[in-house]
Amino acid sequence: MIGISQGRKDFPYVQTIQCPACGGFGRYQVFMTYSVLSLFFIPCFTWNKKYYVQTSCCGTVYALDPDIGGQIARGREVPIRQADLHEMRQGSVNRTKRCLRCGFETDEAYDYCPKCGAKF
């Protein structure tokens, strides 16, 4: 019996962040998707490995740079920078932004707080 299936592996990675999508505090959840060829239910060959990051606050999904993802898969504690991410899908849990300086909250897509002018 030969079969091809899709798989997902979650990594125990912890990095707390202030989310660039919703402005909330959360953490990055890193996972990998892949295709696998199985022979008699035994995985023999994997390919098409892709690394992703999902935020715990709003659920936004980012594609992660393959080099950084590979290092995390090998157990290294490397920091994920915004430059390592490419947004794939915006989350929908909570889209409210809150200004860290004055506390103003809004659902609008402002880059700067309309009350005090600070960057969200």
PDB file of N, CA and C in Angstrom:
ATOM      1  N   MET A   1       0.835  -1.173   0.000  1.00  0.00           N
ATOM      2  CA  MET A   1       0.000   0.000   0.000  1.00  0.00           C
ATOM      3  C   MET A   1       0.885   1.242   0.000  1.00  0.00           C
ATOM      4  N   ILE A   2       0.711   2.073  -0.990  1.00  0.00           N
ATOM      5  CA  ILE A   2       1.449   3.312  -1.121  1.00  0.00           C
ATOM      6  C   ILE A   2       0.451   4.462  -1.035  1.00  0.00           C
ATOM      7  N   GLY A   3       0.818   5.504  -0.319  1.00  0.00           N
ATOM      8  CA  GLY A   3      -0.080   6.647  -0.190  1.00  0.00           C
ATOM      9  C   GLY A   3       0.680   7.954  -0.040  1.00  0.00           C
ATOM     10  N   ILE A   4       0.041   9.026  -0.486  1.00  0.00           N
ATOM     11  CA  ILE A   4       0.580  10.378  -0.322  1.00  0.00           C
ATOM     12  C   ILE A   4      -0.414  11.156   0.519  1.00  0.00           C
ATOM     13  N   SER A   5       0.084  11.817   1.539  1.00  0.00           N
ATOM     14  CA  SER A   5      -0.793  12.601   2.408  1.00  0.00           C
ATOM     15  C   SER A   5      -0.112  13.901   2.807  1.00  0.00           C
ATOM     16  N   GLN A   6      -0.883  14.776   3.409  1.00  0.00           N
ATOM     17  CA  GLN A   6      -0.388  16.048   3.916  1.00  0.00           C
ATOM     18  C   GLN A   6      -0.221  15.934   5.427  1.00  0.00           C
ATOM     19  N   GLY A   7       0.784  16.601   5.948  1.00  0.00           N
ATOM     20  CA  GLY A   7       1.020  16.574   7.386  1.00  0.00           C
ATOM     21  C   GLY A   7       1.285  17.957   7.942  1.00  0.00           C
ATOM     22  N   ARG A   8       1.167  18.068   9.255  1.00  0.00           N
ATOM     23  CA  ARG A   8       1.449  19.313   9.963  1.00  0.00           C
ATOM     24  C   ARG A   8       2.186  18.958  11.242  1.00  0.00           C
ATOM     25  N   LYS A   9       3.222  19.742  11.533  1.00  0.00           N
ATOM     26  CA  LYS A   9       3.977  19.547  12.770  1.00  0.00           C
ATOM     27  C   LYS A   9       4.086  20.893  13.476  1.00  0.00           C
ATOM     28  N   ASP A  10       3.648  20.929  14.736  1.00  0.00           N
ATOM     29  CA  ASP A  10       3.759  22.124  15.562  1.00  0.00           C
ATOM     30  C   ASP A  10       5.068  22.071  16.341  1.00  0.00           C
ATOM     31  N   PHE A  11       5.720  23.221  16.463  1.00  0.00           N
ATOM     32  CA  PHE A  11       6.987  23.292  17.182  1.00  0.00           C
ATOM     33  C   PHE A  11       6.794  24.000  18.523  1.00  0.00           C
ATOM     34  N   PRO A  12       7.521  23.562  19.556  1.00  0.00           N
ATOM     35  CA  PRO A  12       7.418  24.214  20.877  1.00  0.00           C
ATOM     36  C   PRO A  12       8.257  25.493  20.906  1.00  0.00           C
ATOM     37  N   TYR A  13       7.796  26.502  20.225  1.00  0.00           N
ATOM     38  CA  TYR A  13       8.537  27.765  20.104  1.00  0.00           C
ATOM     39  C   TYR A  13       7.784  28.842  20.871  1.00  0.00           C
ATOM     40  N   VAL A  14       8.501  29.640  21.664  1.00  0.00           N
ATOM     41  CA  VAL A  14       7.866  30.693  22.457  1.00  0.00           C
ATOM     42  C   VAL A  14       8.564  32.016  22.183  1.00  0.00           C
ATOM     43  N   GLN A  15       7.818  32.964  21.639  1.00  0.00           N
ATOM     44  CA  GLN A  15       8.298  34.337  21.490  1.00  0.00           C
ATOM     45  C   GLN A  15       7.093  35.250  21.686  1.00  0.00           C
ATOM     46  N   THR A  16       7.134  36.046  22.745  1.00  0.00           N
ATOM     47  CA  THR A  16       6.030  36.971  22.978  1.00  0.00           C
ATOM     48  C   THR A  16       6.199  38.197  22.086  1.00  0.00           C
ATOM     49  N   ILE A  17       5.066  38.737  21.642  1.00  0.00           N
ATOM     50  CA  ILE A  17       5.084  39.831  20.665  1.00  0.00           C
ATOM     51  C   ILE A  17       3.959  40.820  20.953  1.00  0.00           C
ATOM     52  N   GLN A  18       4.088  41.987  20.364  1.00  0.00           N
ATOM     53  CA  GLN A  18       2.952  42.880  20.197  1.00  0.00           C
ATOM     54  C   GLN A  18       2.583  42.723  18.733  1.00  0.00           C
ATOM     55  N   CYS A  19       1.406  42.214  18.482  1.00  0.00           N
ATOM     56  CA  CYS A  19       0.986  41.823  17.143  1.00  0.00           C
ATOM     57  C   CYS A  19       0.915  43.027  16.199  1.00  0.00           C
ATOM     58  N   PRO A  20       1.560  42.928  15.027  1.00  0.00           N
ATOM     59  CA  PRO A  20       1.471  44.021  14.062  1.00  0.00           C
ATOM     60  C   PRO A  20       0.097  44.110  13.394  1.00  0.00           C
ATOM     61  N   ALA A  21      -0.688  43.047  13.441  1.00  0.00           N
ATOM     62  CA  ALA A  21      -2.005  43.048  12.798  1.00  0.00           C
ATOM     63  C   ALA A  21      -3.086  43.655  13.682  1.00  0.00           C
ATOM     64  N   CYS A  22      -3.118  43.278  14.964  1.00  0.00           N
ATOM     65  CA  CYS A  22      -4.207  43.752  15.825  1.00  0.00           C
ATOM     66  C   CYS A  22      -3.742  44.668  16.948  1.00  0.00           C
ATOM     67  N   GLY A  23      -2.432  44.738  17.211  1.00  0.00           N
ATOM     68  CA  GLY A  23      -1.914  45.587  18.268  1.00  0.00           C
ATOM     69  C   GLY A  23      -1.938  44.940  19.639  1.00  0.00           C
ATOM     70  N   GLY A  24      -2.511  43.740  19.746  1.00  0.00           N
ATOM     71  CA  GLY A  24      -2.585  43.048  21.028  1.00  0.00           C
ATOM     72  C   GLY A  24      -1.291  42.334  21.362  1.00  0.00           C
ATOM     73  N   PHE A  25      -1.224  41.857  22.592  1.00  0.00           N
ATOM     74  CA  PHE A  25      -0.064  41.085  23.018  1.00  0.00           C
ATOM     75  C   PHE A  25      -0.379  39.604  22.871  1.00  0.00           C
ATOM     76  N   GLY A  26       0.588  38.839  22.415  1.00  0.00           N
ATOM     77  CA  GLY A  26       0.395  37.409  22.212  1.00  0.00           C
ATOM     78  C   GLY A  26       1.734  36.733  22.012  1.00  0.00           C
ATOM     79  N   ARG A  27       1.696  35.602  21.323  1.00  0.00           N
ATOM     80  CA  ARG A  27       2.935  34.878  21.031  1.00  0.00           C
ATOM     81  C   ARG A  27       2.829  34.263  19.647  1.00  0.00           C
ATOM     82  N   TYR A  28       3.981  33.942  19.097  1.00  0.00           N
ATOM     83  CA  TYR A  28       4.047  33.267  17.814  1.00  0.00           C
ATOM     84  C   TYR A  28       3.916  31.761  18.033  1.00  0.00           C
ATOM     85  N   GLN A  29       3.092  31.106  17.219  1.00  0.00           N
ATOM     86  CA  GLN A  29       2.981  29.660  17.197  1.00  0.00           C
ATOM     87  C   GLN A  29       3.531  29.212  15.842  1.00  0.00           C
ATOM     88  N   VAL A  30       4.615  28.459  15.848  1.00  0.00           N
ATOM     89  CA  VAL A  30       5.306  28.069  14.621  1.00  0.00           C
ATOM     90  C   VAL A  30       4.922  26.629  14.263  1.00  0.00           C
ATOM     91  N   PHE A  31       4.607  26.408  12.984  1.00  0.00           N
ATOM     92  CA  PHE A  31       4.306  25.060  12.516  1.00  0.00           C
ATOM     93  C   PHE A  31       4.805  24.871  11.091  1.00  0.00           C
ATOM     94  N   MET A  32       4.894  23.606  10.686  1.00  0.00           N
ATOM     95  CA  MET A  32       5.372  23.244   9.360  1.00  0.00           C
ATOM     96  C   MET A  32       4.313  22.372   8.696  1.00  0.00           C
ATOM     97  N   THR A  33       4.078  22.594   7.402  1.00  0.00           N
ATOM     98  CA  THR A  33       3.242  21.694   6.621  1.00  0.00           C
ATOM     99  C   THR A  33       4.144  20.982   5.617  1.00  0.00           C
ATOM    100  N   TYR A  34       3.762  19.769   5.230  1.00  0.00           N
ATOM    101  CA  TYR A  34       4.589  18.991   4.328  1.00  0.00           C
ATOM    102  C   TYR A  34       3.749  17.914   3.645  1.00  0.00           C
ATOM    103  N   SER A  35       4.301  17.352   2.579  1.00  0.00           N
ATOM    104  CA  SER A  35       3.712  16.199   1.902  1.00  0.00           C
ATOM    105  C   SER A  35       4.571  14.994   2.248  1.00  0.00           C
ATOM    106  N   VAL A  36       3.939  13.826   2.385  1.00  0.00           N
ATOM    107  CA  VAL A  36       4.683  12.627   2.773  1.00  0.00           C
ATOM    108  C   VAL A  36       4.221  11.426   1.936  1.00  0.00           C
ATOM    109  N   LEU A  37       5.183  10.631   1.509  1.00  0.00           N
ATOM    110  CA  LEU A  37       4.928   9.382   0.814  1.00  0.00           C
ATOM    111  C   LEU A  37       5.069   8.253   1.831  1.00  0.00           C
ATOM    112  N   SER A  38       4.037   7.450   1.959  1.00  0.00           N
ATOM    113  CA  SER A  38       4.050   6.357   2.931  1.00  0.00           C
ATOM    114  C   SER A  38       3.968   5.016   2.215  1.00  0.00           C
ATOM    115  N   LEU A  39       4.707   4.054   2.704  1.00  0.00           N
ATOM    116  CA  LEU A  39       4.676   2.699   2.204  1.00  0.00           C
ATOM    117  C   LEU A  39       4.250   1.800   3.354  1.00  0.00           C
ATOM    118  N   PHE A  40       3.112   1.160   3.223  1.00  0.00           N
ATOM    119  CA  PHE A  40       2.520   0.351   4.293  1.00  0.00           C
ATOM    120  C   PHE A  40       2.423   1.150   5.597  1.00  0.00           C
ATOM    121  N   PHE A  41       1.917   2.372   5.463  1.00  0.00           N
ATOM    122  CA  PHE A  41       1.665   3.287   6.586  1.00  0.00           C
ATOM    123  C   PHE A  41       2.930   3.769   7.287  1.00  0.00           C
ATOM    124  N   ILE A  42       4.081   3.541   6.682  1.00  0.00           N
ATOM    125  CA  ILE A  42       5.355   4.014   7.236  1.00  0.00           C
ATOM    126  C   ILE A  42       5.820   5.193   6.387  1.00  0.00           C
ATOM    127  N   PRO A  43       6.000   6.381   6.985  1.00  0.00           N
ATOM    128  CA  PRO A  43       6.468   7.531   6.207  1.00  0.00           C
ATOM    129  C   PRO A  43       7.875   7.282   5.677  1.00  0.00           C
ATOM    130  N   CYS A  44       8.035   7.415   4.359  1.00  0.00           N
ATOM    131  CA  CYS A  44       9.328   7.134   3.730  1.00  0.00           C
ATOM    132  C   CYS A  44      10.026   8.379   3.208  1.00  0.00           C
ATOM    133  N   PHE A  45       9.247   9.315   2.707  1.00  0.00           N
ATOM    134  CA  PHE A  45       9.843  10.469   2.046  1.00  0.00           C
ATOM    135  C   PHE A  45       8.951  11.678   2.248  1.00  0.00           C
ATOM    136  N   THR A  46       9.546  12.793   2.683  1.00  0.00           N
ATOM    137  CA  THR A  46       8.783  14.043   2.840  1.00  0.00           C
ATOM    138  C   THR A  46       9.333  15.101   1.893  1.00  0.00           C
ATOM    139  N   TRP A  47       8.451  15.978   1.429  1.00  0.00           N
ATOM    140  CA  TRP A  47       8.845  17.076   0.551  1.00  0.00           C
ATOM    141  C   TRP A  47       7.842  18.211   0.712  1.00  0.00           C
ATOM    142  N   ASN A  48       8.116  19.304   0.044  1.00  0.00           N
ATOM    143  CA  ASN A  48       7.231  20.464   0.062  1.00  0.00           C
ATOM    144  C   ASN A  48       7.056  21.022   1.482  1.00  0.00           C
ATOM    145  N   LYS A  49       8.155  21.106   2.219  1.00  0.00           N
ATOM    146  CA  LYS A  49       8.088  21.637   3.583  1.00  0.00           C
ATOM    147  C   LYS A  49       7.932  23.155   3.526  1.00  0.00           C
ATOM    148  N   LYS A  50       6.940  23.662   4.257  1.00  0.00           N
ATOM    149  CA  LYS A  50       6.707  25.098   4.355  1.00  0.00           C
ATOM    150  C   LYS A  50       6.473  25.439   5.817  1.00  0.00           C
ATOM    151  N   TYR A  51       7.047  26.567   6.227  1.00  0.00           N
ATOM    152  CA  TYR A  51       6.965  26.986   7.621  1.00  0.00           C
ATOM    153  C   TYR A  51       6.023  28.182   7.747  1.00  0.00           C
ATOM    154  N   TYR A  52       5.220  28.180   8.821  1.00  0.00           N
ATOM    155  CA  TYR A  52       4.241  29.230   9.053  1.00  0.00           C
ATOM    156  C   TYR A  52       4.273  29.655  10.514  1.00  0.00           C
ATOM    157  N   VAL A  53       3.787  30.864  10.735  1.00  0.00           N
ATOM    158  CA  VAL A  53       3.640  31.413  12.080  1.00  0.00           C
ATOM    159  C   VAL A  53       2.201  31.893  12.220  1.00  0.00           C
ATOM    160  N   GLN A  54       1.572  31.562  13.344  1.00  0.00           N
ATOM    161  CA  GLN A  54       0.233  32.058  13.635  1.00  0.00           C
ATOM    162  C   GLN A  54       0.288  32.784  14.965  1.00  0.00           C
ATOM    163  N   THR A  55      -0.343  33.960  15.021  1.00  0.00           N
ATOM    164  CA  THR A  55      -0.353  34.719  16.268  1.00  0.00           C
ATOM    165  C   THR A  55      -1.444  34.174  17.182  1.00  0.00           C
ATOM    166  N   SER A  56      -1.172  34.166  18.472  1.00  0.00           N
ATOM    167  CA  SER A  56      -2.145  33.645  19.437  1.00  0.00           C
ATOM    168  C   SER A  56      -3.241  34.656  19.757  1.00  0.00           C
ATOM    169  N   CYS A  57      -2.998  35.929  19.479  1.00  0.00           N
ATOM    170  CA  CYS A  57      -3.976  36.959  19.841  1.00  0.00           C
ATOM    171  C   CYS A  57      -5.121  37.057  18.834  1.00  0.00           C
ATOM    172  N   CYS A  58      -4.824  37.158  17.536  1.00  0.00           N
ATOM    173  CA  CYS A  58      -5.883  37.354  16.536  1.00  0.00           C
ATOM    174  C   CYS A  58      -5.918  36.267  15.470  1.00  0.00           C
ATOM    175  N   GLY A  59      -4.942  35.358  15.465  1.00  0.00           N
ATOM    176  CA  GLY A  59      -4.950  34.246  14.533  1.00  0.00           C
ATOM    177  C   GLY A  59      -4.402  34.553  13.152  1.00  0.00           C
ATOM    178  N   THR A  60      -3.735  35.698  12.974  1.00  0.00           N
ATOM    179  CA  THR A  60      -3.144  36.028  11.683  1.00  0.00           C
ATOM    180  C   THR A  60      -2.049  35.018  11.350  1.00  0.00           C
ATOM    181  N   VAL A  61      -2.030  34.553  10.096  1.00  0.00           N
ATOM    182  CA  VAL A  61      -1.053  33.555   9.652  1.00  0.00           C
ATOM    183  C   VAL A  61      -0.039  34.214   8.727  1.00  0.00           C
ATOM    184  N   TYR A  62       1.232  33.924   8.973  1.00  0.00           N
ATOM    185  CA  TYR A  62       2.338  34.434   8.170  1.00  0.00           C
ATOM    186  C   TYR A  62       3.143  33.267   7.618  1.00  0.00           C
ATOM    187  N   ALA A  63       3.660  33.414   6.394  1.00  0.00           N
ATOM    188  CA  ALA A  63       4.652  32.472   5.877  1.00  0.00           C
ATOM    189  C   ALA A  63       5.991  32.883   6.496  1.00  0.00           C
ATOM    190  N   LEU A  64       6.744  31.908   6.969  1.00  0.00           N
ATOM    191  CA  LEU A  64       8.013  32.158   7.644  1.00  0.00           C
ATOM    192  C   LEU A  64       9.165  31.848   6.699  1.00  0.00           C
ATOM    193  N   ASP A  65      10.210  32.644   6.770  1.00  0.00           N
ATOM    194  CA  ASP A  65      11.407  32.420   5.970  1.00  0.00           C
ATOM    195  C   ASP A  65      11.894  30.983   6.190  1.00  0.00           C
ATOM    196  N   PRO A  66      12.145  30.216   5.106  1.00  0.00           N
ATOM    197  CA  PRO A  66      12.536  28.804   5.253  1.00  0.00           C
ATOM    198  C   PRO A  66      13.809  28.587   6.074  1.00  0.00           C
ATOM    199  N   ASP A  67      14.768  29.513   6.014  1.00  0.00           N
ATOM    200  CA  ASP A  67      15.990  29.355   6.812  1.00  0.00           C
ATOM    201  C   ASP A  67      15.694  29.447   8.304  1.00  0.00           C
ATOM    202  N   ILE A  68      14.884  30.424   8.682  1.00  0.00           N
ATOM    203  CA  ILE A  68      14.503  30.583  10.093  1.00  0.00           C
ATOM    204  C   ILE A  68      13.661  29.387  10.539  1.00  0.00           C
ATOM    205  N   GLY A  69      12.714  28.972   9.704  1.00  0.00           N
ATOM    206  CA  GLY A  69      11.874  27.815  10.024  1.00  0.00           C
ATOM    207  C   GLY A  69      12.691  26.551  10.210  1.00  0.00           C
ATOM    208  N   GLY A  70      13.685  26.341   9.360  1.00  0.00           N
ATOM    209  CA  GLY A  70      14.550  25.172   9.494  1.00  0.00           C
ATOM    210  C   GLY A  70      15.342  25.177  10.785  1.00  0.00           C
ATOM    211  N   GLN A  71      15.814  26.350  11.197  1.00  0.00           N
ATOM    212  CA  GLN A  71      16.544  26.448  12.461  1.00  0.00           C
ATOM    213  C   GLN A  71      15.626  26.138  13.645  1.00  0.00           C
ATOM    214  N   ILE A  72      14.396  26.630  13.601  1.00  0.00           N
ATOM    215  CA  ILE A  72      13.434  26.344  14.676  1.00  0.00           C
ATOM    216  C   ILE A  72      13.110  24.854  14.693  1.00  0.00           C
ATOM    217  N   ALA A  73      12.978  24.234  13.509  1.00  0.00           N
ATOM    218  CA  ALA A  73      12.701  22.802  13.421  1.00  0.00           C
ATOM    219  C   ALA A  73      13.836  21.974  14.036  1.00  0.00           C
ATOM    220  N   ARG A  74      15.060  22.484  13.953  1.00  0.00           N
ATOM    221  CA  ARG A  74      16.209  21.787  14.549  1.00  0.00           C
ATOM    222  C   ARG A  74      16.369  22.093  16.036  1.00  0.00           C
ATOM    223  N   GLY A  75      15.450  22.869  16.606  1.00  0.00           N
ATOM    224  CA  GLY A  75      15.468  23.125  18.046  1.00  0.00           C
ATOM    225  C   GLY A  75      16.209  24.365  18.475  1.00  0.00           C
ATOM    226  N   ARG A  76      16.635  25.198  17.558  1.00  0.00           N
ATOM    227  CA  ARG A  76      17.344  26.428  17.920  1.00  0.00           C
ATOM    228  C   ARG A  76      16.350  27.511  18.307  1.00  0.00           C
ATOM    229  N   GLU A  77      16.738  28.331  19.253  1.00  0.00           N
ATOM    230  CA  GLU A  77      15.918  29.459  19.718  1.00  0.00           C
ATOM    231  C   GLU A  77      16.355  30.716  18.982  1.00  0.00           C
ATOM    232  N   VAL A  78      15.860  30.912  17.775  1.00  0.00           N
ATOM    233  CA  VAL A  78      16.193  32.096  16.996  1.00  0.00           C
ATOM    234  C   VAL A  78      15.016  33.070  17.053  1.00  0.00           C
ATOM    235  N   PRO A  79      15.289  34.363  17.150  1.00  0.00           N
ATOM    236  CA  PRO A  79      14.186  35.333  17.174  1.00  0.00           C
ATOM    237  C   PRO A  79      13.584  35.493  15.780  1.00  0.00           C
ATOM    238  N   ILE A  80      12.273  35.642  15.735  1.00  0.00           N
ATOM    239  CA  ILE A  80      11.579  35.897  14.480  1.00  0.00           C
ATOM    240  C   ILE A  80      11.368  37.402  14.369  1.00  0.00           C
ATOM    241  N   ARG A  81      11.892  37.982  13.286  1.00  0.00           N
ATOM    242  CA  ARG A  81      11.730  39.404  13.039  1.00  0.00           C
ATOM    243  C   ARG A  81      10.589  39.610  12.055  1.00  0.00           C
ATOM    244  N   GLN A  82      10.036  40.810  12.008  1.00  0.00           N
ATOM    245  CA  GLN A  82       8.953  41.117  11.081  1.00  0.00           C
ATOM    246  C   GLN A  82       9.406  40.921   9.635  1.00  0.00           C
ATOM    247  N   ALA A  83      10.700  41.143   9.345  1.00  0.00           N
ATOM    248  CA  ALA A  83      11.226  40.963   7.991  1.00  0.00           C
ATOM    249  C   ALA A  83      11.234  39.497   7.564  1.00  0.00           C
ATOM    250  N   ASP A  84      11.157  38.558   8.523  1.00  0.00           N
ATOM    251  CA  ASP A  84      11.143  37.127   8.218  1.00  0.00           C
ATOM    252  C   ASP A  84       9.751  36.615   7.869  1.00  0.00           C
ATOM    253  N   LEU A  85       8.737  37.480   7.984  1.00  0.00           N
ATOM    254  CA  LEU A  85       7.347  37.060   7.821  1.00  0.00           C
ATOM    255  C   LEU A  85       6.705  37.678   6.591  1.00  0.00           C
ATOM    256  N   HIS A  86       5.786  36.943   5.984  1.00  0.00           N
ATOM    257  CA  HIS A  86       4.976  37.441   4.862  1.00  0.00           C
ATOM    258  C   HIS A  86       3.523  37.074   5.178  1.00  0.00           C
ATOM    259  N   GLU A  87       2.675  38.083   5.331  1.00  0.00           N
ATOM    260  CA  GLU A  87       1.292  37.835   5.747  1.00  0.00           C
ATOM    261  C   GLU A  87       0.529  37.020   4.708  1.00  0.00           C
ATOM    262  N   MET A  88      -0.108  35.943   5.180  1.00  0.00           N
ATOM    263  CA  MET A  88      -0.894  35.069   4.313  1.00  0.00           C
ATOM    264  C   MET A  88      -2.393  35.289   4.507  1.00  0.00           C
ATOM    265  N   ARG A  89      -2.825  35.391   5.775  1.00  0.00           N
ATOM    266  CA  ARG A  89      -4.245  35.513   6.077  1.00  0.00           C
ATOM    267  C   ARG A  89      -4.403  36.273   7.385  1.00  0.00           C
ATOM    268  N   GLN A  90      -5.247  37.306   7.337  1.00  0.00           N
ATOM    269  CA  GLN A  90      -5.502  38.080   8.552  1.00  0.00           C
ATOM    270  C   GLN A  90      -6.410  37.306   9.486  1.00  0.00           C
ATOM    271  N   GLY A  91      -6.165  37.457  10.762  1.00  0.00           N
ATOM    272  CA  GLY A  91      -7.001  36.818  11.764  1.00  0.00           C
ATOM    273  C   GLY A  91      -8.318  37.547  11.921  1.00  0.00           C
ATOM    274  N   SER A  92      -9.221  36.904  12.637  1.00  0.00           N
ATOM    275  CA  SER A  92     -10.544  37.504  12.796  1.00  0.00           C
ATOM    276  C   SER A  92     -11.033  37.487  14.232  1.00  0.00           C
ATOM    277  N   VAL A  93     -10.189  37.126  15.161  1.00  0.00           N
ATOM    278  CA  VAL A  93     -10.631  37.024  16.545  1.00  0.00           C
ATOM    279  C   VAL A  93     -10.966  38.389  17.113  1.00  0.00           C
ATOM    280  N   ASN A  94     -10.038  39.333  17.022  1.00  0.00           N
ATOM    281  CA  ASN A  94     -10.247  40.656  17.586  1.00  0.00           C
ATOM    282  C   ASN A  94      -9.483  41.661  16.743  1.00  0.00           C
ATOM    283  N   ARG A  95     -10.175  42.542  16.057  1.00  0.00           N
ATOM    284  CA  ARG A  95      -9.538  43.506  15.178  1.00  0.00           C
ATOM    285  C   ARG A  95      -9.420  44.884  15.832  1.00  0.00           C
ATOM    286  N   THR A  96      -9.708  44.995  17.108  1.00  0.00           N
ATOM    287  CA  THR A  96      -9.623  46.268  17.797  1.00  0.00           C
ATOM    288  C   THR A  96      -8.164  46.614  18.070  1.00  0.00           C
ATOM    289  N   LYS A  97      -7.789  47.855  17.741  1.00  0.00           N
ATOM    290  CA  LYS A  97      -6.448  48.348  18.046  1.00  0.00           C
ATOM    291  C   LYS A  97      -6.541  49.239  19.277  1.00  0.00           C
ATOM    292  N   ARG A  98      -5.518  49.172  20.107  1.00  0.00           N
ATOM    293  CA  ARG A  98      -5.483  49.984  21.315  1.00  0.00           C
ATOM    294  C   ARG A  98      -4.155  50.707  21.374  1.00  0.00           C
ATOM    295  N   CYS A  99      -4.214  52.020  21.553  1.00  0.00           N
ATOM    296  CA  CYS A  99      -3.009  52.835  21.643  1.00  0.00           C
ATOM    297  C   CYS A  99      -2.297  52.549  22.967  1.00  0.00           C
ATOM    298  N   LEU A 100      -1.002  52.300  22.879  1.00  0.00           N
ATOM    299  CA  LEU A 100      -0.228  52.022  24.087  1.00  0.00           C
ATOM    300  C   LEU A 100       0.054  53.278  24.896  1.00  0.00           C
ATOM    301  N   ARG A 101       0.008  54.433  24.248  1.00  0.00           N
ATOM    302  CA  ARG A 101       0.307  55.682  24.944  1.00  0.00           C
ATOM    303  C   ARG A 101      -0.904  56.204  25.717  1.00  0.00           C
ATOM    304  N   CYS A 102      -2.064  56.327  25.036  1.00  0.00           N
ATOM    305  CA  CYS A 102      -3.216  56.959  25.690  1.00  0.00           C
ATOM    306  C   CYS A 102      -4.384  56.014  25.983  1.00  0.00           C
ATOM    307  N   GLY A 103      -4.351  54.780  25.430  1.00  0.00           N
ATOM    308  CA  GLY A 103      -5.399  53.816  25.703  1.00  0.00           C
ATOM    309  C   GLY A 103      -6.603  53.888  24.776  1.00  0.00           C
ATOM    310  N   PHE A 104      -6.585  54.780  23.778  1.00  0.00           N
ATOM    311  CA  PHE A 104      -7.696  54.915  22.836  1.00  0.00           C
ATOM    312  C   PHE A 104      -7.868  53.616  22.045  1.00  0.00           C
ATOM    313  N   GLU A 105      -9.126  53.145  21.903  1.00  0.00           N
ATOM    314  CA  GLU A 105      -9.407  51.926  21.159  1.00  0.00           C
ATOM    315  C   GLU A 105     -10.233  52.246  19.925  1.00  0.00           C
ATOM    316  N   THR A 106      -9.937  51.530  18.816  1.00  0.00           N
ATOM    317  CA  THR A 106     -10.670  51.734  17.575  1.00  0.00           C
ATOM    318  C   THR A 106     -10.679  50.452  16.754  1.00  0.00           C
ATOM    319  N   ASP A 107     -11.706  50.299  15.918  1.00  0.00           N
ATOM    320  CA  ASP A 107     -11.785  49.181  14.985  1.00  0.00           C
ATOM    321  C   ASP A 107     -11.340  49.598  13.591  1.00  0.00           C
ATOM    322  N   GLU A 108     -11.031  50.878  13.405  1.00  0.00           N
ATOM    323  CA  GLU A 108     -10.628  51.403  12.104  1.00  0.00           C
ATOM    324  C   GLU A 108      -9.186  51.001  11.786  1.00  0.00           C
ATOM    325  N   ALA A 109      -8.819  51.081  10.521  1.00  0.00           N
ATOM    326  CA  ALA A 109      -7.486  50.672  10.063  1.00  0.00           C
ATOM    327  C   ALA A 109      -6.495  51.830  10.106  1.00  0.00           C
ATOM    328  N   TYR A 110      -6.420  52.524  11.223  1.00  0.00           N
ATOM    329  CA  TYR A 110      -5.475  53.620  11.381  1.00  0.00           C
ATOM    330  C   TYR A 110      -4.077  53.072  11.642  1.00  0.00           C
ATOM    331  N   ASP A 111      -3.063  53.778  11.130  1.00  0.00           N
ATOM    332  CA  ASP A 111      -1.685  53.459  11.467  1.00  0.00           C
ATOM    333  C   ASP A 111      -1.224  54.259  12.683  1.00  0.00           C
ATOM    334  N   TYR A 112      -1.869  55.415  12.897  1.00  0.00           N
ATOM    335  CA  TYR A 112      -1.546  56.291  14.025  1.00  0.00           C
ATOM    336  C   TYR A 112      -2.805  56.581  14.824  1.00  0.00           C
ATOM    337  N   CYS A 113      -2.647  56.751  16.122  1.00  0.00           N
ATOM    338  CA  CYS A 113      -3.774  57.042  16.999  1.00  0.00           C
ATOM    339  C   CYS A 113      -4.374  58.398  16.667  1.00  0.00           C
ATOM    340  N   PRO A 114      -5.697  58.468  16.415  1.00  0.00           N
ATOM    341  CA  PRO A 114      -6.310  59.749  16.107  1.00  0.00           C
ATOM    342  C   PRO A 114      -6.409  60.677  17.320  1.00  0.00           C
ATOM    343  N   LYS A 115      -6.210  60.153  18.518  1.00  0.00           N
ATOM    344  CA  LYS A 115      -6.321  60.970  19.723  1.00  0.00           C
ATOM    345  C   LYS A 115      -4.997  61.631  20.104  1.00  0.00           C
ATOM    346  N   CYS A 116      -3.895  60.844  20.096  1.00  0.00           N
ATOM    347  CA  CYS A 116      -2.605  61.402  20.549  1.00  0.00           C
ATOM    348  C   CYS A 116      -1.526  61.387  19.471  1.00  0.00           C
ATOM    349  N   GLY A 117      -1.737  60.692  18.347  1.00  0.00           N
ATOM    350  CA  GLY A 117      -0.777  60.680  17.253  1.00  0.00           C
ATOM    351  C   GLY A 117       0.305  59.616  17.333  1.00  0.00           C
ATOM    352  N   ALA A 118       0.275  58.772  18.359  1.00  0.00           N
ATOM    353  CA  ALA A 118       1.270  57.696  18.487  1.00  0.00           C
ATOM    354  C   ALA A 118       1.008  56.604  17.464  1.00  0.00           C
ATOM    355  N   LYS A 119       2.063  55.932  17.022  1.00  0.00           N
ATOM    356  CA  LYS A 119       1.917  54.821  16.080  1.00  0.00           C
ATOM    357  C   LYS A 119       1.314  53.616  16.791  1.00  0.00           C
ATOM    358  N   PHE A 120       0.293  52.993  16.152  1.00  0.00           N
ATOM    359  CA  PHE A 120      -0.316  51.788  16.729  1.00  0.00           C
ATOM    360  C   PHE A 120       0.653  50.640  16.668  1.00  0.00           C
TER     361      PHE A 120
END
